Protein backbone atom coordinates (compact mmCIF):
# COMPACT_ATOMS: atom_id res chain seq x y z
CA MET A 1 25.49 10.52 -41.42
CA ILE A 2 25.09 6.55 -42.31
CA ALA A 3 27.21 6.90 -45.16
CA LEU A 4 30.42 8.64 -43.74
CA PHE A 5 29.66 5.98 -40.43
CA ARG A 6 29.79 3.21 -43.29
CA LEU A 7 33.46 4.64 -44.71
CA PHE A 8 34.67 4.99 -41.04
CA LEU A 9 33.81 1.60 -40.16
CA TRP A 10 35.48 0.66 -42.86
CA LEU A 11 38.64 2.43 -41.88
CA GLY A 12 38.00 1.37 -38.08
CA LEU A 13 38.07 -2.49 -39.63
CA THR A 14 41.21 -2.37 -42.07
CA SER A 15 43.28 0.67 -40.86
CA PHE A 16 46.30 -1.07 -38.85
CA GLY A 17 50.07 0.41 -37.87
CA GLY A 18 48.89 3.17 -35.29
CA PRO A 19 48.06 6.69 -35.74
CA VAL A 20 50.47 7.68 -37.88
CA ALA A 21 50.23 5.02 -40.25
CA HIS A 22 46.03 5.49 -39.97
CA ILE A 23 46.89 9.49 -41.40
CA SER A 24 48.30 7.82 -44.91
CA HIS A 25 45.12 5.40 -44.74
CA PHE A 26 43.13 8.55 -44.54
CA ARG A 27 45.11 10.31 -47.63
CA ARG A 28 44.74 7.70 -49.97
CA GLU A 29 40.80 7.54 -48.84
CA PHE A 30 39.93 11.61 -48.84
CA VAL A 31 42.46 12.92 -51.01
CA GLU A 32 43.25 10.24 -53.94
CA ARG A 33 39.89 8.13 -53.99
CA ARG A 34 37.39 10.76 -53.24
CA ARG A 35 38.78 14.28 -53.48
CA TRP A 36 37.74 15.76 -50.88
CA PHE A 37 40.95 17.59 -49.93
CA THR A 38 44.01 18.47 -51.75
CA GLU A 39 47.23 17.70 -51.15
CA GLU A 40 48.22 20.88 -49.14
CA GLU A 41 44.62 20.87 -47.44
CA TYR A 42 44.88 17.81 -46.53
CA ALA A 43 48.45 18.22 -44.43
CA GLY A 44 47.13 21.26 -42.64
CA TRP A 45 44.56 18.93 -41.00
CA VAL A 46 47.32 16.71 -40.23
CA GLY A 47 49.19 19.59 -38.74
CA LEU A 48 46.78 20.93 -36.74
CA CYS A 49 45.95 17.14 -35.33
CA GLN A 50 49.51 17.04 -34.48
CA PHE A 51 50.29 20.36 -32.90
CA LEU A 52 47.50 19.52 -30.07
CA PRO A 53 47.45 16.30 -27.64
CA GLY A 54 45.06 13.50 -27.95
CA PRO A 55 44.18 10.56 -30.63
CA ALA A 56 45.95 12.58 -33.40
CA SER A 57 44.36 9.91 -35.88
CA SER A 58 40.77 9.86 -34.27
CA GLN A 59 40.96 13.72 -34.36
CA LEU A 60 41.70 13.97 -37.73
CA GLY A 61 38.48 11.56 -38.41
CA PHE A 62 36.68 13.84 -36.33
CA CYS A 63 37.59 17.42 -38.21
CA VAL A 64 36.76 15.13 -41.59
CA GLY A 65 33.20 14.15 -40.41
CA MET A 66 32.73 17.61 -39.10
CA VAL A 67 33.52 19.21 -42.14
CA ARG A 68 31.66 16.44 -44.42
CA GLY A 69 28.18 16.21 -42.20
CA GLY A 70 28.64 18.71 -38.86
CA ILE A 71 27.87 17.63 -35.75
CA PRO A 72 26.09 14.28 -36.75
CA GLY A 73 28.86 13.44 -39.31
CA ALA A 74 31.72 13.84 -36.60
CA ILE A 75 29.90 11.55 -34.15
CA ALA A 76 29.49 9.05 -37.02
CA ALA A 77 33.61 9.40 -38.16
CA PHE A 78 34.16 8.54 -34.03
CA LEU A 79 32.00 5.83 -33.88
CA GLY A 80 32.46 3.82 -37.18
CA PHE A 81 36.66 3.84 -36.81
CA THR A 82 36.50 3.45 -32.57
CA LEU A 83 33.95 0.41 -32.71
CA PRO A 84 35.42 -2.26 -34.22
CA SER A 85 38.82 -2.02 -32.10
CA ALA A 86 36.92 -0.43 -29.22
CA VAL A 87 34.98 -4.11 -28.87
CA LEU A 88 37.72 -6.74 -29.53
CA MET A 89 39.20 -4.84 -26.89
CA GLY A 90 36.45 -5.06 -24.90
CA VAL A 91 35.65 -8.47 -25.17
CA LEU A 92 39.28 -9.45 -24.73
CA GLY A 93 38.75 -7.65 -21.36
CA ALA A 94 35.87 -9.37 -20.67
CA THR A 95 37.08 -12.92 -21.84
CA LEU A 96 40.56 -12.43 -20.33
CA PRO A 97 39.80 -14.91 -16.90
CA HIS A 98 38.79 -17.82 -19.59
CA TRP A 99 41.72 -18.01 -21.60
CA THR A 100 44.09 -20.52 -21.98
CA PRO A 101 47.62 -20.09 -21.90
CA GLY A 102 49.07 -19.51 -25.30
CA SER A 103 45.55 -19.54 -27.00
CA GLY A 104 45.51 -17.04 -29.81
CA VAL A 105 49.37 -16.47 -29.65
CA ALA A 106 49.65 -17.38 -33.17
CA LEU A 107 46.95 -15.14 -34.44
CA PHE A 108 48.05 -12.44 -32.79
CA HIS A 109 51.60 -12.93 -34.15
CA GLY A 110 50.20 -12.88 -37.78
CA LEU A 111 48.11 -9.98 -36.86
CA LYS A 112 51.82 -8.15 -36.00
CA LEU A 113 53.12 -9.32 -38.84
CA VAL A 114 50.30 -7.17 -40.76
CA ALA A 115 51.53 -4.16 -38.94
CA VAL A 116 55.20 -3.90 -40.17
CA ALA A 117 53.86 -4.27 -43.99
CA VAL A 118 51.67 -1.63 -43.16
CA VAL A 119 54.17 1.02 -41.54
CA ALA A 120 56.47 0.10 -43.77
CA HIS A 121 53.68 1.49 -46.55
CA GLY A 122 52.85 4.84 -44.77
CA VAL A 123 56.44 5.47 -44.11
CA VAL A 124 57.14 5.38 -48.37
CA THR A 125 54.33 7.24 -49.00
CA LEU A 126 54.33 9.89 -46.31
CA TRP A 127 58.05 10.32 -47.04
CA ARG A 128 57.38 10.80 -51.05
CA ARG A 129 54.63 13.58 -50.09
CA LEU A 130 55.70 14.89 -46.79
CA CYS A 131 59.23 15.28 -47.29
CA PRO A 132 60.09 17.00 -50.98
CA ASP A 133 63.74 18.56 -50.32
CA PRO A 134 66.73 17.76 -48.33
CA VAL A 135 65.99 19.61 -45.66
CA ARG A 136 62.90 18.07 -44.59
CA TRP A 137 64.24 14.36 -45.44
CA LEU A 138 67.50 15.69 -42.64
CA MET A 139 64.78 16.49 -40.44
CA ALA A 140 63.07 13.20 -40.97
CA VAL A 141 65.96 11.21 -40.41
CA ALA A 142 67.18 13.61 -37.15
CA VAL A 143 63.99 12.88 -35.65
CA ALA A 144 63.91 9.05 -36.25
CA GLY A 145 67.47 8.33 -35.04
CA LEU A 146 66.67 10.60 -31.84
CA SER A 147 63.53 9.01 -30.99
CA LEU A 148 65.57 5.48 -31.47
CA GLY A 149 68.55 6.85 -29.69
CA LEU A 150 66.55 8.37 -26.49
CA ASP A 151 63.75 6.32 -26.43
CA ARG A 152 61.54 7.79 -23.59
CA PRO A 153 57.96 7.93 -23.31
CA TRP A 154 58.40 12.06 -23.33
CA ILE A 155 60.44 11.89 -26.41
CA GLN A 156 57.62 12.47 -29.21
CA PRO A 157 56.41 15.55 -28.18
CA LEU A 158 59.54 17.08 -27.50
CA LEU A 159 60.54 16.28 -30.74
CA ILE A 160 57.43 17.12 -32.71
CA GLY A 161 57.82 20.63 -30.57
CA GLY A 162 61.45 20.87 -31.83
CA ALA A 163 60.50 19.72 -35.42
CA ALA A 164 57.95 22.73 -35.33
CA GLY A 165 60.56 25.21 -34.39
CA VAL A 166 63.25 23.58 -37.72
CA GLY A 167 60.80 23.89 -39.80
CA ALA A 168 59.88 27.75 -39.05
CA LEU A 169 63.24 28.82 -39.54
CA ALA A 170 64.53 26.05 -42.65
CA CYS A 171 61.49 24.86 -44.48
CA ARG A 172 61.55 28.10 -46.44
CA GLY A 173 59.59 26.52 -49.28
CA ALA A 174 56.67 26.05 -47.58
CA ASP A 175 53.66 27.59 -48.91
CA SER A 176 51.18 28.80 -46.48
CA THR A 177 47.80 26.71 -46.53
CA THR A 178 44.35 27.72 -45.59
CA VAL A 179 42.48 25.25 -43.70
CA GLU A 180 38.78 25.98 -44.76
CA THR A 181 36.39 25.83 -41.58
CA GLY A 182 33.67 27.42 -43.25
CA ASN A 183 31.21 24.72 -42.89
CA LEU A 184 31.70 24.48 -39.37
CA PRO A 185 28.04 24.16 -37.77
CA TYR A 186 29.52 26.54 -34.76
CA GLY A 187 31.23 29.45 -34.64
CA ARG A 188 33.99 31.12 -32.24
CA ARG A 189 31.54 31.15 -29.05
CA GLY A 190 31.04 27.73 -29.21
CA GLY A 191 34.82 26.91 -30.04
CA THR A 192 35.29 28.90 -26.43
CA LEU A 193 32.62 26.30 -24.56
CA CYS A 194 34.67 23.12 -25.94
CA LEU A 195 37.98 24.55 -24.45
CA ILE A 196 35.74 25.52 -21.44
CA ALA A 197 34.75 21.56 -21.08
CA PHE A 198 37.95 20.73 -22.01
CA GLY A 199 39.92 22.57 -18.95
CA VAL A 200 36.62 20.95 -16.76
CA LEU A 201 37.34 17.09 -17.76
CA VAL A 202 41.06 17.46 -17.43
CA VAL A 203 41.58 19.43 -14.60
CA VAL A 204 38.42 20.22 -12.34
CA LEU A 205 37.28 16.26 -12.46
CA PRO A 206 40.77 15.14 -11.05
CA LEU A 207 40.28 17.23 -8.16
CA LEU A 208 36.96 16.28 -7.30
CA VAL A 209 37.39 12.74 -7.13
CA MET A 210 40.85 12.80 -5.64
CA GLY A 211 41.32 9.70 -3.09
CA ARG A 212 38.16 8.04 -3.99
CA ARG A 213 37.25 4.63 -5.81
CA GLY A 214 34.70 3.93 -8.43
CA LEU A 215 33.88 4.99 -11.81
CA PRO A 216 34.22 8.68 -11.75
CA SER A 217 37.94 8.23 -10.35
CA LEU A 218 39.20 5.83 -13.20
CA ALA A 219 37.18 8.15 -15.86
CA ALA A 220 39.54 11.03 -14.47
CA GLY A 221 42.73 8.82 -14.69
CA PHE A 222 42.01 7.67 -18.60
CA SER A 223 40.95 11.36 -19.08
CA ARG A 224 44.51 12.77 -17.55
CA ALA A 225 46.24 10.08 -19.38
CA GLY A 226 44.59 11.24 -22.87
CA ALA A 227 45.11 14.67 -23.08
CA MET A 228 48.38 14.48 -21.87
CA VAL A 229 49.90 12.50 -25.69
CA PHE A 230 50.71 14.06 -28.53
CA GLY A 231 49.81 12.04 -31.60
CA GLY A 232 49.11 8.82 -29.62
CA GLY A 233 50.03 5.69 -29.84
CA HIS A 234 52.69 3.96 -27.81
CA VAL A 235 53.40 7.07 -25.73
CA VAL A 236 49.97 6.80 -24.04
CA LEU A 237 51.03 3.10 -22.63
CA PRO A 238 53.35 4.43 -19.78
CA LEU A 239 50.56 7.52 -18.73
CA LEU A 240 47.98 4.62 -18.74
CA GLU A 241 49.70 2.65 -16.81
CA ASP A 242 50.35 5.29 -13.89
CA ALA A 243 46.32 6.19 -14.00
CA VAL A 244 45.28 1.94 -13.89
CA VAL A 245 48.18 0.31 -12.64
CA ARG A 246 49.83 1.91 -9.58
CA PRO A 247 46.33 2.79 -8.29
CA GLY A 248 45.42 -0.82 -8.17
CA TRP A 249 42.43 -0.66 -10.94
CA VAL A 250 44.33 -3.41 -13.05
CA SER A 251 47.24 -5.89 -12.46
CA GLN A 252 50.57 -5.54 -14.33
CA GLY A 253 49.94 -9.08 -15.83
CA ASP A 254 46.21 -8.20 -17.30
CA PHE A 255 48.01 -4.82 -18.66
CA LEU A 256 51.21 -6.45 -20.24
CA ALA A 257 48.14 -8.87 -22.38
CA GLY A 258 46.28 -5.71 -23.16
CA TYR A 259 48.94 -4.40 -24.26
CA GLY A 260 50.29 -6.88 -26.91
CA ALA A 261 46.64 -7.06 -28.16
CA ALA A 262 46.22 -3.15 -28.93
CA GLN A 263 49.15 -3.50 -31.07
CA ALA A 264 47.39 -6.47 -32.83
CA VAL A 265 43.82 -4.59 -33.60
CA PRO A 266 42.98 -2.33 -36.35
CA GLY A 267 42.10 1.34 -35.50
CA PRO A 268 43.23 3.31 -32.51
CA MET A 269 45.54 2.39 -29.87
CA PHE A 270 43.69 4.45 -27.01
CA THR A 271 41.04 1.61 -27.63
CA PHE A 272 43.50 -0.36 -25.07
CA ALA A 273 41.20 1.92 -22.05
CA ALA A 274 38.45 -0.80 -23.33
CA PHE A 275 40.38 -3.85 -22.41
CA LEU A 276 41.52 -1.64 -19.14
CA GLY A 277 38.15 -0.99 -18.30
CA ALA A 278 36.90 -3.81 -18.64
CA ARG A 279 39.47 -5.90 -16.04
CA ALA A 280 39.03 -2.57 -13.51
CA SER A 281 37.94 -3.49 -10.37
CA GLU A 282 35.49 -2.10 -8.57
CA THR A 283 33.74 -0.55 -12.07
CA GLY A 284 30.42 -2.18 -11.50
CA GLY A 285 30.55 -4.50 -14.49
CA ALA A 286 33.13 -5.15 -17.28
CA TRP A 287 31.20 -3.44 -19.92
CA LEU A 288 30.34 -0.62 -18.15
CA GLY A 289 34.17 -0.19 -17.15
CA ALA A 290 34.86 -0.76 -20.91
CA ILE A 291 32.54 2.12 -21.98
CA THR A 292 33.65 4.57 -19.68
CA GLY A 293 37.51 3.92 -20.49
CA VAL A 294 36.71 4.65 -24.44
CA LEU A 295 34.44 7.66 -23.76
CA SER A 296 36.87 9.29 -20.77
CA ILE A 297 40.13 8.38 -22.61
CA PHE A 298 38.90 10.41 -26.53
CA LEU A 299 36.59 13.01 -24.93
CA PRO A 300 39.72 15.41 -23.72
CA GLY A 301 41.06 15.41 -27.36
CA LEU A 302 38.16 15.47 -29.66
CA LEU A 303 36.71 18.65 -27.02
CA LEU A 304 40.42 20.17 -27.57
CA VAL A 305 39.79 20.17 -31.49
CA ALA A 306 36.20 21.08 -31.61
CA GLY A 307 37.29 23.70 -30.00
CA VAL A 308 40.71 24.95 -31.83
CA LEU A 309 38.52 24.69 -35.19
CA PRO A 310 37.14 27.96 -35.33
CA PHE A 311 40.14 29.66 -34.36
CA TRP A 312 42.48 27.63 -37.06
CA HIS A 313 41.24 28.98 -40.19
CA GLY A 314 43.07 32.44 -39.38
CA LEU A 315 46.47 30.77 -37.92
CA THR A 316 47.00 29.07 -41.15
CA ARG A 317 46.86 31.61 -43.14
CA SER A 318 50.92 32.56 -42.04
CA SER A 319 53.69 32.03 -43.44
CA ALA A 320 55.22 30.91 -40.09
CA THR A 321 52.50 28.48 -39.26
CA ALA A 322 53.08 26.57 -42.87
CA ARG A 323 56.86 26.41 -42.24
CA MET A 324 55.75 25.01 -38.60
CA MET A 325 53.27 22.37 -40.05
CA ALA A 326 56.14 21.63 -42.43
CA GLY A 327 58.09 20.85 -40.08
CA VAL A 328 55.55 19.03 -38.09
CA ASN A 329 54.92 16.61 -40.83
CA ALA A 330 58.19 15.89 -41.50
CA GLY A 331 58.53 15.05 -37.79
CA VAL A 332 55.42 12.66 -38.16
CA VAL A 333 57.42 10.63 -40.98
CA GLY A 334 60.45 10.49 -39.10
CA LEU A 335 58.44 9.19 -35.98
CA LEU A 336 56.52 6.63 -38.23
CA ALA A 337 60.55 5.51 -39.37
CA ALA A 338 61.48 5.11 -35.79
CA ALA A 339 58.43 3.36 -34.72
CA LEU A 340 58.62 0.87 -37.66
CA TYR A 341 62.13 -0.91 -36.30
CA HIS A 342 60.95 -0.52 -32.66
CA PRO A 343 58.31 -1.59 -31.41
CA VAL A 344 56.81 -3.01 -34.66
CA TRP A 345 59.99 -4.49 -36.38
CA THR A 346 61.37 -6.03 -33.10
CA GLY A 347 57.88 -6.83 -31.72
CA ALA A 348 56.84 -8.74 -34.66
CA VAL A 349 60.01 -10.32 -36.52
CA ARG A 350 61.27 -13.16 -34.72
CA SER A 351 62.86 -15.02 -37.99
CA TRP A 352 63.65 -14.71 -41.55
CA THR A 353 60.50 -16.32 -42.57
CA ASP A 354 58.33 -13.50 -40.50
CA GLY A 355 60.41 -10.71 -42.48
CA VAL A 356 59.61 -12.42 -46.26
CA ILE A 357 56.09 -12.64 -44.85
CA ALA A 358 56.15 -9.16 -43.50
CA ALA A 359 58.00 -8.10 -46.96
CA ALA A 360 55.57 -9.92 -49.29
CA GLY A 361 52.78 -8.04 -47.43
CA PHE A 362 54.47 -4.69 -48.10
CA ALA A 363 54.98 -5.21 -51.38
CA ALA A 364 51.25 -6.10 -52.23
CA LEU A 365 50.27 -3.07 -50.49
CA MET A 366 52.99 -1.32 -53.15
CA THR A 367 51.12 -1.90 -56.18
CA GLY A 368 48.33 -0.70 -55.33
CA ARG A 369 46.44 -3.30 -56.63
CA VAL A 370 45.76 -5.65 -53.52
CA PRO A 371 42.99 -5.01 -51.19
CA ILE A 372 44.03 -4.73 -47.72
CA LEU A 373 41.90 -7.23 -46.71
CA ALA A 374 43.53 -9.63 -48.52
CA VAL A 375 46.92 -8.53 -47.59
CA VAL A 376 45.50 -8.92 -43.76
CA ALA A 377 44.11 -12.24 -44.36
CA GLY A 378 47.27 -13.62 -46.46
CA CYS A 379 50.08 -12.35 -43.73
CA VAL A 380 47.58 -13.81 -40.65
CA VAL A 381 47.78 -17.31 -42.13
CA ALA A 382 50.84 -17.07 -43.06
CA GLY A 383 52.19 -15.87 -40.01
CA ALA A 384 50.17 -17.97 -37.78
CA SER A 385 51.07 -21.12 -40.07
CA VAL A 386 55.43 -20.81 -39.07
CA TYR A 387 54.43 -19.34 -35.68
């Protein structure tokens, strides 16, 4: 449990670029370096987490922890991966009233350039692994184009669903992949209980607190947002805005300030909820609100993946499921390519010097010889100096 916590803490400190880029970081760690999974097994886990709503990269880490260390390992993986960005966002939310205008802007600009380099590296790496034939190339390009052209918060889950359907018909070369779940510490009865708990959290809790104020009502809003997002990332933002800005928990200005910071820190973007919980009024304290926000937004997705795991082994033996998963993975590559342009590139690169800094970071990552922390430090220093 301690070893898993330390490993995922390192990943939580160094994984920039959003949920799909995190999948690339995880593949390098669990497939290339540690050889815990084969490429096919890992692709199966990715397909599972992309099929389900919730924070995909956190769900993937949770699954890895579960297989390697049971329930304690799953908890350790989640805590290690989530704590760095959750603490950073919670501190920002608690201290935001004391910041002077413009303070920290240069630092955040440098971190955004890090995200450009990391996401570009993730696109190249995943393209090589998950798009091995012309059919999947075309699927990835089509998903990227549609995502950029339509640019609506609801388009990503539709594109993932469409990629699954096209994959079932067109990805004939995909092999059936068995995701081994024999190491689970519980069976189908335990999985069913997790699914029931998911339903209570997402359906029953909002009904119980309807029209009320206080922490339970805030938790219900975060849970609803966390349960409706496929793949996590930027799609959660309009749902969170609906959950906390419209009811008056957080001001629009604070919401936008936290959104900018969430793009610049490593780890899961769902930890934006720590900032919002800390800024929310009527919660009884910034840190109590931050903890409520983080637990509420992550718990539905973790319960859902824990509930589905005991049933997933049988589904992955189907060739139709394998073709659908191949399509989903190609769609994920397309979404990441679209995100590389907007909002990552458009939100970070303001001049040709910014582009050179991001390109240098990308080239360093592609060599495989430069530690990611060195890339982060270099981009931050260079980006802050030219801001």
